[in-house]
Amino acid sequence: MINSDDFAMRLQQVIDYYTDSASSFADTIGVQRSSISHILSGRNKPSLDFVLKVLSSYPEVELYWLLNGKGEFPAKAITLTTEKNNVPKIPQRPLIPPTETNDKSIEKIVIFYTDGTFKEFIKN
């Protein structure tokens, strides 16, 4: 169970960290301004939807820290090692789980962007 008073204190820390007002914070995460006021005053408990909106709008906020104070805020950035030419080296892990049969290969990858554009990568 979430302690509403502690959650409100952590939420206020997030708002202060970004030097937002409660109104601009509400606008950023897409909730009514009264929702922020009610949560900060302890009148209402945060909904799951509210918590998810905070996490998606502010990636530096960790879920466990926001809910129960465990962890840290702001979250530490992931550092990648660089090669000689300063290109970040991406950690090695399979992006696509292996299939049962190895006779499949990727022909085309399409990436869609939020502005309606897309990029297409075709195997040569």
N, C-alpha and C. Protein backbone atom coordinates (compact mmCIF):
# COMPACT_ATOMS: atom_id res chain seq x y z
N MET A 1 0.84 -1.18 0.00
CA MET A 1 0.00 0.00 0.00
C MET A 1 0.88 1.25 0.00
N ILE A 2 0.49 2.22 -0.75
CA ILE A 2 1.25 3.46 -0.86
C ILE A 2 0.88 4.40 0.28
N ASN A 3 1.90 4.95 0.92
CA ASN A 3 1.68 5.98 1.92
C ASN A 3 1.47 7.29 1.17
N SER A 4 0.26 7.84 1.22
CA SER A 4 -0.10 9.03 0.44
C SER A 4 0.75 10.24 0.78
N ASP A 5 1.07 10.41 2.07
CA ASP A 5 1.86 11.57 2.47
C ASP A 5 3.28 11.49 1.91
N ASP A 6 3.88 10.30 1.99
CA ASP A 6 5.23 10.12 1.45
C ASP A 6 5.24 10.26 -0.07
N PHE A 7 4.22 9.71 -0.73
CA PHE A 7 4.10 9.84 -2.17
C PHE A 7 4.00 11.31 -2.55
N ALA A 8 3.19 12.07 -1.82
CA ALA A 8 3.03 13.49 -2.10
C ALA A 8 4.35 14.24 -1.95
N MET A 9 5.15 13.86 -0.95
CA MET A 9 6.45 14.51 -0.77
C MET A 9 7.37 14.20 -1.95
N ARG A 10 7.37 12.94 -2.41
CA ARG A 10 8.22 12.58 -3.55
C ARG A 10 7.74 13.26 -4.82
N LEU A 11 6.43 13.35 -4.99
CA LEU A 11 5.88 14.04 -6.16
C LEU A 11 6.29 15.52 -6.14
N GLN A 12 6.24 16.13 -4.98
CA GLN A 12 6.67 17.52 -4.85
C GLN A 12 8.15 17.67 -5.18
N GLN A 13 8.96 16.67 -4.81
CA GLN A 13 10.39 16.68 -5.17
C GLN A 13 10.57 16.69 -6.68
N VAL A 14 9.78 15.89 -7.37
CA VAL A 14 9.87 15.83 -8.83
C VAL A 14 9.49 17.19 -9.42
N ILE A 15 8.40 17.75 -8.94
CA ILE A 15 7.95 19.05 -9.44
C ILE A 15 9.01 20.12 -9.19
N ASP A 16 9.59 20.12 -8.01
CA ASP A 16 10.63 21.10 -7.67
C ASP A 16 11.89 20.88 -8.50
N TYR A 17 12.26 19.63 -8.72
CA TYR A 17 13.47 19.31 -9.48
C TYR A 17 13.41 19.92 -10.88
N TYR A 18 12.25 19.84 -11.51
CA TYR A 18 12.07 20.38 -12.85
C TYR A 18 11.64 21.84 -12.84
N THR A 19 11.61 22.44 -11.67
CA THR A 19 11.18 23.83 -11.46
C THR A 19 9.87 24.12 -12.17
N ASP A 20 8.96 23.18 -12.03
CA ASP A 20 7.61 23.32 -12.58
C ASP A 20 6.68 23.84 -11.51
N SER A 21 5.59 24.42 -11.94
CA SER A 21 4.49 24.69 -11.03
C SER A 21 3.59 23.46 -11.09
N ALA A 22 2.69 23.33 -10.14
CA ALA A 22 1.77 22.19 -10.16
C ALA A 22 0.94 22.22 -11.44
N SER A 23 0.59 23.41 -11.90
CA SER A 23 -0.22 23.54 -13.12
C SER A 23 0.54 23.07 -14.35
N SER A 24 1.78 23.50 -14.50
CA SER A 24 2.54 23.09 -15.68
C SER A 24 2.89 21.60 -15.62
N PHE A 25 3.11 21.08 -14.41
CA PHE A 25 3.36 19.65 -14.25
C PHE A 25 2.13 18.86 -14.71
N ALA A 26 0.95 19.31 -14.29
CA ALA A 26 -0.29 18.64 -14.69
C ALA A 26 -0.46 18.67 -16.20
N ASP A 27 -0.16 19.81 -16.81
CA ASP A 27 -0.27 19.93 -18.26
C ASP A 27 0.71 18.99 -18.96
N THR A 28 1.92 18.88 -18.42
CA THR A 28 2.95 18.03 -19.03
C THR A 28 2.55 16.56 -19.03
N ILE A 29 2.00 16.09 -17.90
CA ILE A 29 1.65 14.66 -17.83
C ILE A 29 0.24 14.38 -18.35
N GLY A 30 -0.52 15.43 -18.60
CA GLY A 30 -1.84 15.25 -19.20
C GLY A 30 -2.95 14.89 -18.22
N VAL A 31 -2.95 15.54 -17.05
CA VAL A 31 -4.03 15.34 -16.08
C VAL A 31 -4.61 16.70 -15.71
N GLN A 32 -5.76 16.67 -15.06
CA GLN A 32 -6.35 17.92 -14.61
C GLN A 32 -5.50 18.52 -13.51
N ARG A 33 -5.48 19.83 -13.46
CA ARG A 33 -4.66 20.52 -12.46
C ARG A 33 -5.13 20.20 -11.04
N SER A 34 -6.42 19.99 -10.88
CA SER A 34 -6.94 19.67 -9.55
C SER A 34 -6.42 18.32 -9.05
N SER A 35 -6.10 17.41 -9.97
CA SER A 35 -5.56 16.09 -9.58
C SER A 35 -4.26 16.25 -8.81
N ILE A 36 -3.40 17.13 -9.30
CA ILE A 36 -2.12 17.37 -8.63
C ILE A 36 -2.37 17.95 -7.24
N SER A 37 -3.24 18.94 -7.17
CA SER A 37 -3.54 19.58 -5.90
C SER A 37 -4.10 18.59 -4.89
N HIS A 38 -4.99 17.73 -5.33
CA HIS A 38 -5.62 16.75 -4.43
C HIS A 38 -4.61 15.71 -3.95
N ILE A 39 -3.70 15.30 -4.82
CA ILE A 39 -2.69 14.32 -4.41
C ILE A 39 -1.69 14.96 -3.45
N LEU A 40 -1.25 16.18 -3.77
CA LEU A 40 -0.28 16.86 -2.90
C LEU A 40 -0.86 17.17 -1.53
N SER A 41 -2.16 17.43 -1.46
CA SER A 41 -2.78 17.73 -0.16
C SER A 41 -3.13 16.47 0.62
N GLY A 42 -3.05 15.30 -0.03
CA GLY A 42 -3.38 14.05 0.64
C GLY A 42 -4.84 13.69 0.55
N ARG A 43 -5.62 14.49 -0.15
CA ARG A 43 -7.05 14.22 -0.30
C ARG A 43 -7.30 12.96 -1.12
N ASN A 44 -6.54 12.81 -2.20
CA ASN A 44 -6.70 11.64 -3.08
C ASN A 44 -5.40 10.86 -3.16
N LYS A 45 -5.52 9.57 -3.42
CA LYS A 45 -4.36 8.73 -3.68
C LYS A 45 -4.14 8.71 -5.19
N PRO A 46 -2.90 8.52 -5.62
CA PRO A 46 -2.64 8.49 -7.06
C PRO A 46 -3.16 7.20 -7.69
N SER A 47 -3.69 7.33 -8.88
CA SER A 47 -4.14 6.15 -9.62
C SER A 47 -2.95 5.56 -10.37
N LEU A 48 -3.11 4.34 -10.85
CA LEU A 48 -2.07 3.71 -11.66
C LEU A 48 -1.84 4.53 -12.92
N ASP A 49 -2.91 5.01 -13.51
CA ASP A 49 -2.80 5.83 -14.72
C ASP A 49 -1.97 7.08 -14.45
N PHE A 50 -2.18 7.72 -13.31
CA PHE A 50 -1.42 8.91 -12.93
C PHE A 50 0.06 8.58 -12.81
N VAL A 51 0.38 7.50 -12.11
CA VAL A 51 1.78 7.10 -11.92
C VAL A 51 2.43 6.82 -13.26
N LEU A 52 1.74 6.11 -14.15
CA LEU A 52 2.30 5.78 -15.46
C LEU A 52 2.54 7.03 -16.30
N LYS A 53 1.67 8.02 -16.17
CA LYS A 53 1.85 9.27 -16.90
C LYS A 53 3.09 10.02 -16.40
N VAL A 54 3.31 10.00 -15.10
CA VAL A 54 4.50 10.64 -14.54
C VAL A 54 5.74 9.94 -15.08
N LEU A 55 5.75 8.61 -15.05
CA LEU A 55 6.91 7.85 -15.49
C LEU A 55 7.19 8.03 -16.98
N SER A 56 6.15 8.12 -17.80
CA SER A 56 6.38 8.27 -19.23
C SER A 56 6.81 9.69 -19.59
N SER A 57 6.39 10.68 -18.82
CA SER A 57 6.76 12.06 -19.11
C SER A 57 8.11 12.44 -18.53
N TYR A 58 8.51 11.78 -17.46
CA TYR A 58 9.76 12.10 -16.77
C TYR A 58 10.58 10.82 -16.60
N PRO A 59 11.41 10.46 -17.57
CA PRO A 59 12.15 9.19 -17.51
C PRO A 59 13.16 9.11 -16.37
N GLU A 60 13.52 10.24 -15.76
CA GLU A 60 14.47 10.21 -14.65
C GLU A 60 13.81 9.72 -13.35
N VAL A 61 12.49 9.58 -13.35
CA VAL A 61 11.77 9.13 -12.16
C VAL A 61 11.67 7.60 -12.21
N GLU A 62 12.14 6.96 -11.15
CA GLU A 62 12.06 5.50 -11.06
C GLU A 62 10.75 5.11 -10.37
N LEU A 63 10.16 4.04 -10.83
CA LEU A 63 8.88 3.57 -10.31
C LEU A 63 8.96 3.28 -8.81
N TYR A 64 9.94 2.50 -8.39
CA TYR A 64 10.01 2.11 -6.98
C TYR A 64 10.29 3.30 -6.08
N TRP A 65 11.07 4.24 -6.59
CA TRP A 65 11.33 5.44 -5.79
C TRP A 65 10.05 6.24 -5.62
N LEU A 66 9.31 6.41 -6.71
CA LEU A 66 8.08 7.19 -6.65
C LEU A 66 7.05 6.55 -5.73
N LEU A 67 6.91 5.24 -5.80
CA LEU A 67 5.89 4.55 -5.01
C LEU A 67 6.26 4.37 -3.55
N ASN A 68 7.51 3.96 -3.29
CA ASN A 68 7.83 3.65 -1.88
C ASN A 68 9.16 4.22 -1.39
N GLY A 69 9.79 5.08 -2.17
CA GLY A 69 11.00 5.74 -1.71
C GLY A 69 12.27 4.92 -1.84
N LYS A 70 12.20 3.73 -2.41
CA LYS A 70 13.39 2.90 -2.58
C LYS A 70 14.00 3.19 -3.94
N GLY A 71 15.29 3.39 -3.94
CA GLY A 71 15.96 3.77 -5.17
C GLY A 71 16.43 5.20 -5.05
N GLU A 72 16.59 5.87 -6.17
CA GLU A 72 17.07 7.23 -6.12
C GLU A 72 16.40 8.08 -7.19
N PHE A 73 16.43 9.36 -6.95
CA PHE A 73 15.91 10.33 -7.91
C PHE A 73 16.88 11.48 -7.98
N PRO A 74 17.25 11.95 -9.13
CA PRO A 74 16.93 11.40 -10.45
C PRO A 74 17.71 10.12 -10.70
N ALA A 75 17.15 9.28 -11.55
CA ALA A 75 17.78 8.01 -11.86
C ALA A 75 19.11 8.27 -12.55
N LYS A 76 20.09 7.43 -12.27
CA LYS A 76 21.40 7.57 -12.92
C LYS A 76 21.29 7.22 -14.38
N ALA A 77 21.98 7.97 -15.20
CA ALA A 77 22.01 7.70 -16.63
C ALA A 77 22.87 6.48 -16.90
N ILE A 78 22.52 5.72 -17.91
CA ILE A 78 23.30 4.56 -18.31
C ILE A 78 24.47 5.07 -19.15
N THR A 79 25.67 4.70 -18.75
CA THR A 79 26.84 5.12 -19.51
C THR A 79 27.30 3.97 -20.39
N LEU A 80 27.63 4.30 -21.61
CA LEU A 80 28.09 3.31 -22.56
C LEU A 80 29.57 3.53 -22.81
N THR A 81 30.31 2.45 -22.97
CA THR A 81 31.72 2.58 -23.29
C THR A 81 31.85 3.01 -24.74
N THR A 82 32.92 3.70 -25.06
CA THR A 82 33.11 4.15 -26.43
C THR A 82 34.32 3.48 -27.04
N GLU A 83 34.27 3.34 -28.35
CA GLU A 83 35.39 2.77 -29.08
C GLU A 83 36.35 3.89 -29.46
N LYS A 84 37.36 3.59 -30.24
CA LYS A 84 38.37 4.56 -30.62
C LYS A 84 37.79 5.79 -31.32
N ASN A 85 36.79 5.60 -32.16
CA ASN A 85 36.24 6.71 -32.93
C ASN A 85 35.05 7.40 -32.25
N ASN A 86 34.94 7.23 -30.94
CA ASN A 86 33.91 7.88 -30.12
C ASN A 86 32.47 7.49 -30.47
N VAL A 87 32.29 6.35 -31.09
CA VAL A 87 30.96 5.85 -31.34
C VAL A 87 30.56 5.01 -30.14
N PRO A 88 29.39 5.29 -29.54
CA PRO A 88 29.01 4.50 -28.37
C PRO A 88 28.90 3.02 -28.69
N LYS A 89 29.41 2.20 -27.81
CA LYS A 89 29.32 0.76 -27.97
C LYS A 89 28.06 0.29 -27.24
N ILE A 90 27.16 -0.31 -27.96
CA ILE A 90 25.90 -0.76 -27.40
C ILE A 90 26.10 -2.10 -26.73
N PRO A 91 25.57 -2.27 -25.51
CA PRO A 91 25.72 -3.56 -24.84
C PRO A 91 25.18 -4.70 -25.70
N GLN A 92 25.89 -5.82 -25.70
CA GLN A 92 25.51 -6.96 -26.52
C GLN A 92 24.40 -7.75 -25.85
N ARG A 93 23.27 -7.82 -26.50
CA ARG A 93 22.16 -8.65 -26.07
C ARG A 93 21.26 -8.86 -27.27
N PRO A 94 20.63 -9.98 -27.35
CA PRO A 94 19.78 -10.21 -28.51
C PRO A 94 18.55 -9.31 -28.47
N LEU A 95 18.28 -8.60 -29.56
CA LEU A 95 17.12 -7.74 -29.63
C LEU A 95 15.86 -8.52 -29.96
N ILE A 96 16.04 -9.56 -30.75
CA ILE A 96 14.91 -10.39 -31.13
C ILE A 96 15.17 -11.80 -30.61
N PRO A 97 14.22 -12.36 -29.87
CA PRO A 97 14.46 -13.70 -29.35
C PRO A 97 14.64 -14.70 -30.49
N PRO A 98 15.52 -15.68 -30.30
CA PRO A 98 15.75 -16.66 -31.37
C PRO A 98 14.48 -17.45 -31.65
N THR A 99 14.27 -17.75 -32.91
CA THR A 99 13.11 -18.55 -33.29
C THR A 99 13.47 -20.02 -33.24
N GLU A 100 12.47 -20.85 -33.30
CA GLU A 100 12.71 -22.29 -33.23
C GLU A 100 13.43 -22.79 -34.47
N THR A 101 13.13 -22.17 -35.61
CA THR A 101 13.82 -22.56 -36.84
C THR A 101 14.72 -21.42 -37.28
N ASN A 102 15.90 -21.73 -37.73
CA ASN A 102 16.86 -20.72 -38.12
C ASN A 102 16.81 -20.39 -39.60
N ASP A 103 15.77 -20.82 -40.32
CA ASP A 103 15.69 -20.55 -41.74
C ASP A 103 15.02 -19.20 -42.04
N LYS A 104 14.74 -18.42 -41.02
CA LYS A 104 14.11 -17.12 -41.21
C LYS A 104 15.18 -16.03 -41.11
N SER A 105 14.98 -14.98 -41.89
CA SER A 105 15.87 -13.83 -41.79
C SER A 105 15.04 -12.56 -41.98
N ILE A 106 15.56 -11.48 -41.51
CA ILE A 106 14.86 -10.20 -41.59
C ILE A 106 15.11 -9.59 -42.97
N GLU A 107 14.03 -9.18 -43.63
CA GLU A 107 14.15 -8.55 -44.93
C GLU A 107 14.03 -7.04 -44.84
N LYS A 108 13.12 -6.56 -43.98
CA LYS A 108 12.87 -5.14 -43.93
C LYS A 108 12.46 -4.75 -42.51
N ILE A 109 12.93 -3.58 -42.07
CA ILE A 109 12.54 -3.00 -40.78
C ILE A 109 11.99 -1.62 -41.05
N VAL A 110 10.82 -1.33 -40.49
CA VAL A 110 10.20 -0.01 -40.65
C VAL A 110 10.05 0.62 -39.27
N ILE A 111 10.54 1.87 -39.14
CA ILE A 111 10.42 2.60 -37.89
C ILE A 111 9.47 3.76 -38.11
N PHE A 112 8.40 3.83 -37.32
CA PHE A 112 7.42 4.89 -37.43
C PHE A 112 7.68 5.92 -36.34
N TYR A 113 7.66 7.20 -36.71
CA TYR A 113 7.88 8.30 -35.76
C TYR A 113 6.54 8.95 -35.42
N THR A 114 6.51 9.64 -34.30
CA THR A 114 5.26 10.24 -33.82
C THR A 114 4.76 11.35 -34.72
N ASP A 115 5.62 11.93 -35.56
CA ASP A 115 5.17 13.00 -36.46
C ASP A 115 4.58 12.45 -37.77
N GLY A 116 4.43 11.13 -37.87
CA GLY A 116 3.82 10.52 -39.04
C GLY A 116 4.82 10.08 -40.09
N THR A 117 6.09 10.40 -39.92
CA THR A 117 7.10 9.97 -40.87
C THR A 117 7.61 8.58 -40.50
N PHE A 118 8.37 7.99 -41.41
CA PHE A 118 8.92 6.68 -41.13
C PHE A 118 10.22 6.50 -41.89
N LYS A 119 11.03 5.52 -41.45
CA LYS A 119 12.26 5.13 -42.12
C LYS A 119 12.15 3.64 -42.40
N GLU A 120 12.67 3.26 -43.54
CA GLU A 120 12.60 1.87 -43.95
C GLU A 120 14.02 1.37 -44.19
N PHE A 121 14.37 0.26 -43.59
CA PHE A 121 15.68 -0.34 -43.78
C PHE A 121 15.48 -1.69 -44.44
N ILE A 122 16.08 -1.82 -45.63
CA ILE A 122 15.91 -3.06 -46.41
C ILE A 122 17.27 -3.76 -46.48
N LYS A 123 17.24 -5.08 -46.26
CA LYS A 123 18.46 -5.88 -46.32
C LYS A 123 18.95 -5.93 -47.76
N ASN A 124 20.24 -5.70 -47.92
CA ASN A 124 20.83 -5.75 -49.27
C ASN A 124 21.14 -7.15 -49.68
